[in-house]
PDB file of N, CA and C in Angstrom:
ATOM      1  N   MET A   1     -99.930  90.342  58.427  1.00  0.00           N
ATOM      2  CA  MET A   1     -98.528  90.591  58.165  1.00  0.00           C
ATOM      3  C   MET A   1     -98.335  90.709  56.652  1.00  0.00           C
ATOM      4  N   PRO A   2     -97.760  91.814  56.158  1.00  0.00           N
ATOM      5  CA  PRO A   2     -97.577  91.997  54.715  1.00  0.00           C
ATOM      6  C   PRO A   2     -96.479  91.073  54.181  1.00  0.00           C
ATOM      7  N   VAL A   3     -96.669  90.676  52.953  1.00  0.00           N
ATOM      8  CA  VAL A   3     -95.698  89.819  52.286  1.00  0.00           C
ATOM      9  C   VAL A   3     -94.890  90.673  51.328  1.00  0.00           C
ATOM     10  N   THR A   4     -93.581  90.550  51.387  1.00  0.00           N
ATOM     11  CA  THR A   4     -92.708  91.297  50.499  1.00  0.00           C
ATOM     12  C   THR A   4     -92.304  90.401  49.333  1.00  0.00           C
ATOM     13  N   ILE A   5     -92.503  90.908  48.143  1.00  0.00           N
ATOM     14  CA  ILE A   5     -92.120  90.172  46.941  1.00  0.00           C
ATOM     15  C   ILE A   5     -90.974  90.933  46.297  1.00  0.00           C
ATOM     16  N   SER A   6     -89.857  90.268  46.170  1.00  0.00           N
ATOM     17  CA  SER A   6     -88.724  90.928  45.522  1.00  0.00           C
ATOM     18  C   SER A   6     -88.784  90.644  44.028  1.00  0.00           C
ATOM     19  N   ARG A   7     -88.459  91.634  43.260  1.00  0.00           N
ATOM     20  CA  ARG A   7     -88.467  91.483  41.809  1.00  0.00           C
ATOM     21  C   ARG A   7     -87.036  91.440  41.300  1.00  0.00           C
ATOM     22  N   THR A   8     -86.796  90.555  40.395  1.00  0.00           N
ATOM     23  CA  THR A   8     -85.488  90.495  39.748  1.00  0.00           C
ATOM     24  C   THR A   8     -85.721  90.588  38.253  1.00  0.00           C
ATOM     25  N   THR A   9     -84.771  91.140  37.577  1.00  0.00           N
ATOM     26  CA  THR A   9     -84.894  91.198  36.129  1.00  0.00           C
ATOM     27  C   THR A   9     -84.441  89.883  35.545  1.00  0.00           C
ATOM     28  N   LYS A  10     -84.882  89.608  34.356  1.00  0.00           N
ATOM     29  CA  LYS A  10     -84.553  88.343  33.707  1.00  0.00           C
ATOM     30  C   LYS A  10     -83.045  88.186  33.497  1.00  0.00           C
ATOM     31  N   ASN A  11     -82.357  89.291  33.279  1.00  0.00           N
ATOM     32  CA  ASN A  11     -80.930  89.230  32.968  1.00  0.00           C
ATOM     33  C   ASN A  11     -80.025  89.322  34.187  1.00  0.00           C
ATOM     34  N   ALA A  12     -80.600  89.485  35.357  1.00  0.00           N
ATOM     35  CA  ALA A  12     -79.778  89.604  36.559  1.00  0.00           C
ATOM     36  C   ALA A  12     -79.296  88.225  37.003  1.00  0.00           C
ATOM     37  N   PRO A  13     -77.990  88.080  37.272  1.00  0.00           N
ATOM     38  CA  PRO A  13     -77.502  86.790  37.773  1.00  0.00           C
ATOM     39  C   PRO A  13     -78.032  86.538  39.174  1.00  0.00           C
ATOM     40  N   PRO A  14     -78.126  85.287  39.574  1.00  0.00           N
ATOM     41  CA  PRO A  14     -78.633  84.987  40.911  1.00  0.00           C
ATOM     42  C   PRO A  14     -77.644  85.434  41.975  1.00  0.00           C
ATOM     43  N   PRO A  15     -78.121  85.650  43.212  1.00  0.00           N
ATOM     44  CA  PRO A  15     -77.176  85.988  44.274  1.00  0.00           C
ATOM     45  C   PRO A  15     -76.179  84.846  44.470  1.00  0.00           C
ATOM     46  N   VAL A  16     -74.934  85.186  44.668  1.00  0.00           N
ATOM     47  CA  VAL A  16     -73.883  84.171  44.736  1.00  0.00           C
ATOM     48  C   VAL A  16     -73.423  83.993  46.175  1.00  0.00           C
ATOM     49  N   THR A  17     -73.457  82.754  46.648  1.00  0.00           N
ATOM     50  CA  THR A  17     -72.918  82.369  47.938  1.00  0.00           C
ATOM     51  C   THR A  17     -71.821  81.348  47.665  1.00  0.00           C
ATOM     52  N   PRO A  18     -70.996  81.011  48.639  1.00  0.00           N
ATOM     53  CA  PRO A  18     -69.873  80.097  48.369  1.00  0.00           C
ATOM     54  C   PRO A  18     -70.263  78.743  47.773  1.00  0.00           C
ATOM     55  N   ASP A  19     -71.456  78.238  48.075  1.00  0.00           N
ATOM     56  CA  ASP A  19     -71.837  76.924  47.571  1.00  0.00           C
ATOM     57  C   ASP A  19     -72.887  76.983  46.466  1.00  0.00           C
ATOM     58  N   THR A  20     -73.046  78.122  45.838  1.00  0.00           N
ATOM     59  CA  THR A  20     -74.041  78.281  44.783  1.00  0.00           C
ATOM     60  C   THR A  20     -73.573  77.592  43.505  1.00  0.00           C
ATOM     61  N   TRP A  21     -74.477  76.861  42.861  1.00  0.00           N
ATOM     62  CA  TRP A  21     -74.203  76.253  41.563  1.00  0.00           C
ATOM     63  C   TRP A  21     -74.828  77.134  40.499  1.00  0.00           C
ATOM     64  N   LEU A  22     -74.043  77.541  39.523  1.00  0.00           N
ATOM     65  CA  LEU A  22     -74.491  78.442  38.467  1.00  0.00           C
ATOM     66  C   LEU A  22     -74.609  77.702  37.140  1.00  0.00           C
ATOM     67  N   THR A  23     -75.529  78.139  36.305  1.00  0.00           N
ATOM     68  CA  THR A  23     -75.643  77.579  34.960  1.00  0.00           C
ATOM     69  C   THR A  23     -74.641  78.287  34.054  1.00  0.00           C
ATOM     70  N   VAL A  24     -74.479  77.745  32.862  1.00  0.00           N
ATOM     71  CA  VAL A  24     -73.604  78.376  31.871  1.00  0.00           C
ATOM     72  C   VAL A  24     -74.109  79.786  31.570  1.00  0.00           C
ATOM     73  N   SER A  25     -75.411  79.943  31.461  1.00  0.00           N
ATOM     74  CA  SER A  25     -75.994  81.270  31.192  1.00  0.00           C
ATOM     75  C   SER A  25     -75.724  82.243  32.336  1.00  0.00           C
ATOM     76  N   ASP A  26     -75.823  81.764  33.577  1.00  0.00           N
ATOM     77  CA  ASP A  26     -75.536  82.613  34.739  1.00  0.00           C
ATOM     78  C   ASP A  26     -74.099  83.114  34.687  1.00  0.00           C
ATOM     79  N   VAL A  27     -73.167  82.217  34.394  1.00  0.00           N
ATOM     80  CA  VAL A  27     -71.753  82.589  34.327  1.00  0.00           C
ATOM     81  C   VAL A  27     -71.535  83.588  33.191  1.00  0.00           C
ATOM     82  N   GLY A  28     -72.196  83.363  32.062  1.00  0.00           N
ATOM     83  CA  GLY A  28     -72.094  84.295  30.935  1.00  0.00           C
ATOM     84  C   GLY A  28     -72.569  85.688  31.308  1.00  0.00           C
ATOM     85  N   ARG A  29     -73.653  85.768  32.077  1.00  0.00           N
ATOM     86  CA  ARG A  29     -74.164  87.070  32.512  1.00  0.00           C
ATOM     87  C   ARG A  29     -73.219  87.725  33.509  1.00  0.00           C
ATOM     88  N   VAL A  30     -72.666  86.941  34.434  1.00  0.00           N
ATOM     89  CA  VAL A  30     -71.733  87.491  35.425  1.00  0.00           C
ATOM     90  C   VAL A  30     -70.491  88.046  34.728  1.00  0.00           C
ATOM     91  N   LEU A  31     -69.954  87.284  33.767  1.00  0.00           N
ATOM     92  CA  LEU A  31     -68.722  87.689  33.090  1.00  0.00           C
ATOM     93  C   LEU A  31     -68.971  88.529  31.839  1.00  0.00           C
ATOM     94  N   GLN A  32     -70.233  88.737  31.516  1.00  0.00           N
ATOM     95  CA  GLN A  32     -70.638  89.504  30.341  1.00  0.00           C
ATOM     96  C   GLN A  32     -70.011  88.954  29.068  1.00  0.00           C
ATOM     97  N   CYS A  33     -70.212  87.653  28.872  1.00  0.00           N
ATOM     98  CA  CYS A  33     -69.736  86.999  27.657  1.00  0.00           C
ATOM     99  C   CYS A  33     -70.808  86.014  27.187  1.00  0.00           C
ATOM    100  N   HIS A  34     -70.626  85.475  26.009  1.00  0.00           N
ATOM    101  CA  HIS A  34     -71.598  84.564  25.417  1.00  0.00           C
ATOM    102  C   HIS A  34     -71.487  83.175  26.044  1.00  0.00           C
ATOM    103  N   ASP A  35     -72.595  82.460  26.063  1.00  0.00           N
ATOM    104  CA  ASP A  35     -72.624  81.095  26.603  1.00  0.00           C
ATOM    105  C   ASP A  35     -71.600  80.194  25.918  1.00  0.00           C
ATOM    106  N   SER A  36     -71.423  80.379  24.622  1.00  0.00           N
ATOM    107  CA  SER A  36     -70.473  79.530  23.893  1.00  0.00           C
ATOM    108  C   SER A  36     -69.038  79.762  24.359  1.00  0.00           C
ATOM    109  N   THR A  37     -68.733  80.967  24.801  1.00  0.00           N
ATOM    110  CA  THR A  37     -67.406  81.252  25.351  1.00  0.00           C
ATOM    111  C   THR A  37     -67.206  80.492  26.656  1.00  0.00           C
ATOM    112  N   VAL A  38     -68.232  80.494  27.503  1.00  0.00           N
ATOM    113  CA  VAL A  38     -68.161  79.761  28.774  1.00  0.00           C
ATOM    114  C   VAL A  38     -67.990  78.276  28.490  1.00  0.00           C
ATOM    115  N   ARG A  39     -68.748  77.744  27.541  1.00  0.00           N
ATOM    116  CA  ARG A  39     -68.625  76.317  27.184  1.00  0.00           C
ATOM    117  C   ARG A  39     -67.238  75.991  26.638  1.00  0.00           C
ATOM    118  N   ARG A  40     -66.635  76.917  25.886  1.00  0.00           N
ATOM    119  CA  ARG A  40     -65.281  76.696  25.374  1.00  0.00           C
ATOM    120  C   ARG A  40     -64.276  76.625  26.521  1.00  0.00           C
ATOM    121  N   TRP A  41     -64.412  77.515  27.503  1.00  0.00           N
ATOM    122  CA  TRP A  41     -63.517  77.481  28.665  1.00  0.00           C
ATOM    123  C   TRP A  41     -63.655  76.158  29.413  1.00  0.00           C
ATOM    124  N   ILE A  42     -64.885  75.646  29.500  1.00  0.00           N
ATOM    125  CA  ILE A  42     -65.106  74.355  30.157  1.00  0.00           C
ATOM    126  C   ILE A  42     -64.447  73.248  29.339  1.00  0.00           C
ATOM    127  N   ARG A  43     -64.658  73.262  28.033  1.00  0.00           N
ATOM    128  CA  ARG A  43     -64.086  72.236  27.143  1.00  0.00           C
ATOM    129  C   ARG A  43     -62.558  72.261  27.200  1.00  0.00           C
ATOM    130  N   GLU A  44     -61.975  73.454  27.316  1.00  0.00           N
ATOM    131  CA  GLU A  44     -60.515  73.604  27.373  1.00  0.00           C
ATOM    132  C   GLU A  44     -59.970  73.407  28.788  1.00  0.00           C
ATOM    133  N   SER A  45     -60.834  73.008  29.732  1.00  0.00           N
ATOM    134  CA  SER A  45     -60.471  72.771  31.144  1.00  0.00           C
ATOM    135  C   SER A  45     -59.931  74.014  31.836  1.00  0.00           C
ATOM    136  N   LYS A  46     -60.306  75.180  31.363  1.00  0.00           N
ATOM    137  CA  LYS A  46     -59.929  76.414  32.037  1.00  0.00           C
ATOM    138  C   LYS A  46     -60.900  76.729  33.169  1.00  0.00           C
ATOM    139  N   LEU A  47     -62.143  76.255  33.030  1.00  0.00           N
ATOM    140  CA  LEU A  47     -63.192  76.486  34.019  1.00  0.00           C
ATOM    141  C   LEU A  47     -63.759  75.134  34.429  1.00  0.00           C
ATOM    142  N   VAL A  48     -63.768  74.872  35.736  1.00  0.00           N
ATOM    143  CA  VAL A  48     -64.248  73.587  36.253  1.00  0.00           C
ATOM    144  C   VAL A  48     -65.771  73.596  36.253  1.00  0.00           C
ATOM    145  N   ALA A  49     -66.365  72.511  35.732  1.00  0.00           N
ATOM    146  CA  ALA A  49     -67.821  72.379  35.700  1.00  0.00           C
ATOM    147  C   ALA A  49     -68.195  70.927  35.962  1.00  0.00           C
ATOM    148  N   LYS A  50     -69.435  70.721  36.367  1.00  0.00           N
ATOM    149  CA  LYS A  50     -69.961  69.377  36.622  1.00  0.00           C
ATOM    150  C   LYS A  50     -71.245  69.219  35.833  1.00  0.00           C
ATOM    151  N   LYS A  51     -71.502  68.000  35.413  1.00  0.00           N
ATOM    152  CA  LYS A  51     -72.775  67.694  34.777  1.00  0.00           C
ATOM    153  C   LYS A  51     -73.734  67.245  35.866  1.00  0.00           C
ATOM    154  N   ILE A  52     -74.807  67.992  36.051  1.00  0.00           N
ATOM    155  CA  ILE A  52     -75.777  67.692  37.105  1.00  0.00           C
ATOM    156  C   ILE A  52     -77.164  67.702  36.482  1.00  0.00           C
ATOM    157  N   GLY A  53     -77.850  66.576  36.587  1.00  0.00           N
ATOM    158  CA  GLY A  53     -79.220  66.505  36.100  1.00  0.00           C
ATOM    159  C   GLY A  53     -79.370  66.827  34.631  1.00  0.00           C
ATOM    160  N   GLY A  54     -78.421  66.446  33.822  1.00  0.00           N
ATOM    161  CA  GLY A  54     -78.504  66.695  32.391  1.00  0.00           C
ATOM    162  C   GLY A  54     -78.027  68.077  31.972  1.00  0.00           C
ATOM    163  N   GLY A  55     -77.675  68.915  32.922  1.00  0.00           N
ATOM    164  CA  GLY A  55     -77.172  70.246  32.611  1.00  0.00           C
ATOM    165  C   GLY A  55     -75.798  70.460  33.186  1.00  0.00           C
ATOM    166  N   VAL A  56     -75.128  71.467  32.701  1.00  0.00           N
ATOM    167  CA  VAL A  56     -73.783  71.793  33.170  1.00  0.00           C
ATOM    168  C   VAL A  56     -73.898  72.875  34.237  1.00  0.00           C
ATOM    169  N   ARG A  57     -73.212  72.684  35.360  1.00  0.00           N
ATOM    170  CA  ARG A  57     -73.237  73.652  36.460  1.00  0.00           C
ATOM    171  C   ARG A  57     -71.806  73.976  36.883  1.00  0.00           C
ATOM    172  N   ILE A  58     -71.619  75.220  37.285  1.00  0.00           N
ATOM    173  CA  ILE A  58     -70.318  75.708  37.736  1.00  0.00           C
ATOM    174  C   ILE A  58     -70.489  76.203  39.166  1.00  0.00           C
ATOM    175  N   ARG A  59     -69.665  75.710  40.069  1.00  0.00           N
ATOM    176  CA  ARG A  59     -69.710  76.160  41.462  1.00  0.00           C
ATOM    177  C   ARG A  59     -69.148  77.583  41.526  1.00  0.00           C
ATOM    178  N   SER A  60     -69.760  78.432  42.329  1.00  0.00           N
ATOM    179  CA  SER A  60     -69.330  79.829  42.406  1.00  0.00           C
ATOM    180  C   SER A  60     -67.880  79.951  42.871  1.00  0.00           C
ATOM    181  N   SER A  61     -67.437  79.050  43.726  1.00  0.00           N
ATOM    182  CA  SER A  61     -66.031  79.091  44.172  1.00  0.00           C
ATOM    183  C   SER A  61     -65.083  78.757  43.012  1.00  0.00           C
ATOM    184  N   ASP A  62     -65.514  77.866  42.101  1.00  0.00           N
ATOM    185  CA  ASP A  62     -64.698  77.563  40.912  1.00  0.00           C
ATOM    186  C   ASP A  62     -64.669  78.758  39.961  1.00  0.00           C
ATOM    187  N   LEU A  63     -65.779  79.479  39.881  1.00  0.00           N
ATOM    188  CA  LEU A  63     -65.809  80.693  39.054  1.00  0.00           C
ATOM    189  C   LEU A  63     -64.867  81.735  39.634  1.00  0.00           C
ATOM    190  N   ASP A  64     -64.865  81.890  40.958  1.00  0.00           N
ATOM    191  CA  ASP A  64     -63.937  82.833  41.602  1.00  0.00           C
ATOM    192  C   ASP A  64     -62.486  82.459  41.309  1.00  0.00           C
ATOM    193  N   ALA A  65     -62.172  81.170  41.388  1.00  0.00           N
ATOM    194  CA  ALA A  65     -60.811  80.708  41.108  1.00  0.00           C
ATOM    195  C   ALA A  65     -60.439  80.994  39.657  1.00  0.00           C
ATOM    196  N   PHE A  66     -61.370  80.794  38.739  1.00  0.00           N
ATOM    197  CA  PHE A  66     -61.136  81.079  37.318  1.00  0.00           C
ATOM    198  C   PHE A  66     -60.837  82.567  37.115  1.00  0.00           C
ATOM    199  N   ILE A  67     -61.646  83.419  37.733  1.00  0.00           N
ATOM    200  CA  ILE A  67     -61.465  84.867  37.597  1.00  0.00           C
ATOM    201  C   ILE A  67     -60.107  85.285  38.162  1.00  0.00           C
ATOM    202  N   ASN A  68     -59.743  84.750  39.327  1.00  0.00           N
ATOM    203  CA  ASN A  68     -58.462  85.101  39.944  1.00  0.00           C
ATOM    204  C   ASN A  68     -57.289  84.604  39.102  1.00  0.00           C
ATOM    205  N   ALA A  69     -57.417  83.430  38.493  1.00  0.00           N
ATOM    206  CA  ALA A  69     -56.352  82.887  37.647  1.00  0.00           C
ATOM    207  C   ALA A  69     -56.170  83.724  36.387  1.00  0.00           C
ATOM    208  N   GLU A  70     -57.268  84.214  35.831  1.00  0.00           N
ATOM    209  CA  GLU A  70     -57.191  85.046  34.612  1.00  0.00           C
ATOM    210  C   GLU A  70     -56.594  86.406  34.905  1.00  0.00           C
ATOM    211  N   ASN A  71     -56.777  86.905  36.124  1.00  0.00           N
ATOM    212  CA  ASN A  71     -56.260  88.220  36.496  1.00  0.00           C
ATOM    213  C   ASN A  71     -54.824  88.170  36.996  1.00  0.00           C
ATOM    214  N   ALA A  72     -54.295  86.995  37.226  1.00  0.00           N
ATOM    215  CA  ALA A  72     -52.932  86.870  37.773  1.00  0.00           C
ATOM    216  C   ALA A  72     -51.879  87.097  36.720  1.00  0.00           C
TER     217      ALA A  72
END
């Protein structure tokens, strides 16, 4: 049985499902902005994030809510 290996580019964001946790870099790539901008939104409580395992993670549903709030 052949094995299929999918290739992803380094800059491609991961596939997003409702319970996916994204890094600051992932969110920056999705929104096409710098990591420091994402961190500023977190610091200003505009974007909900959690500290998990020493790193900051953003739930994909919170990112969707942020995007919808900015577009309203």
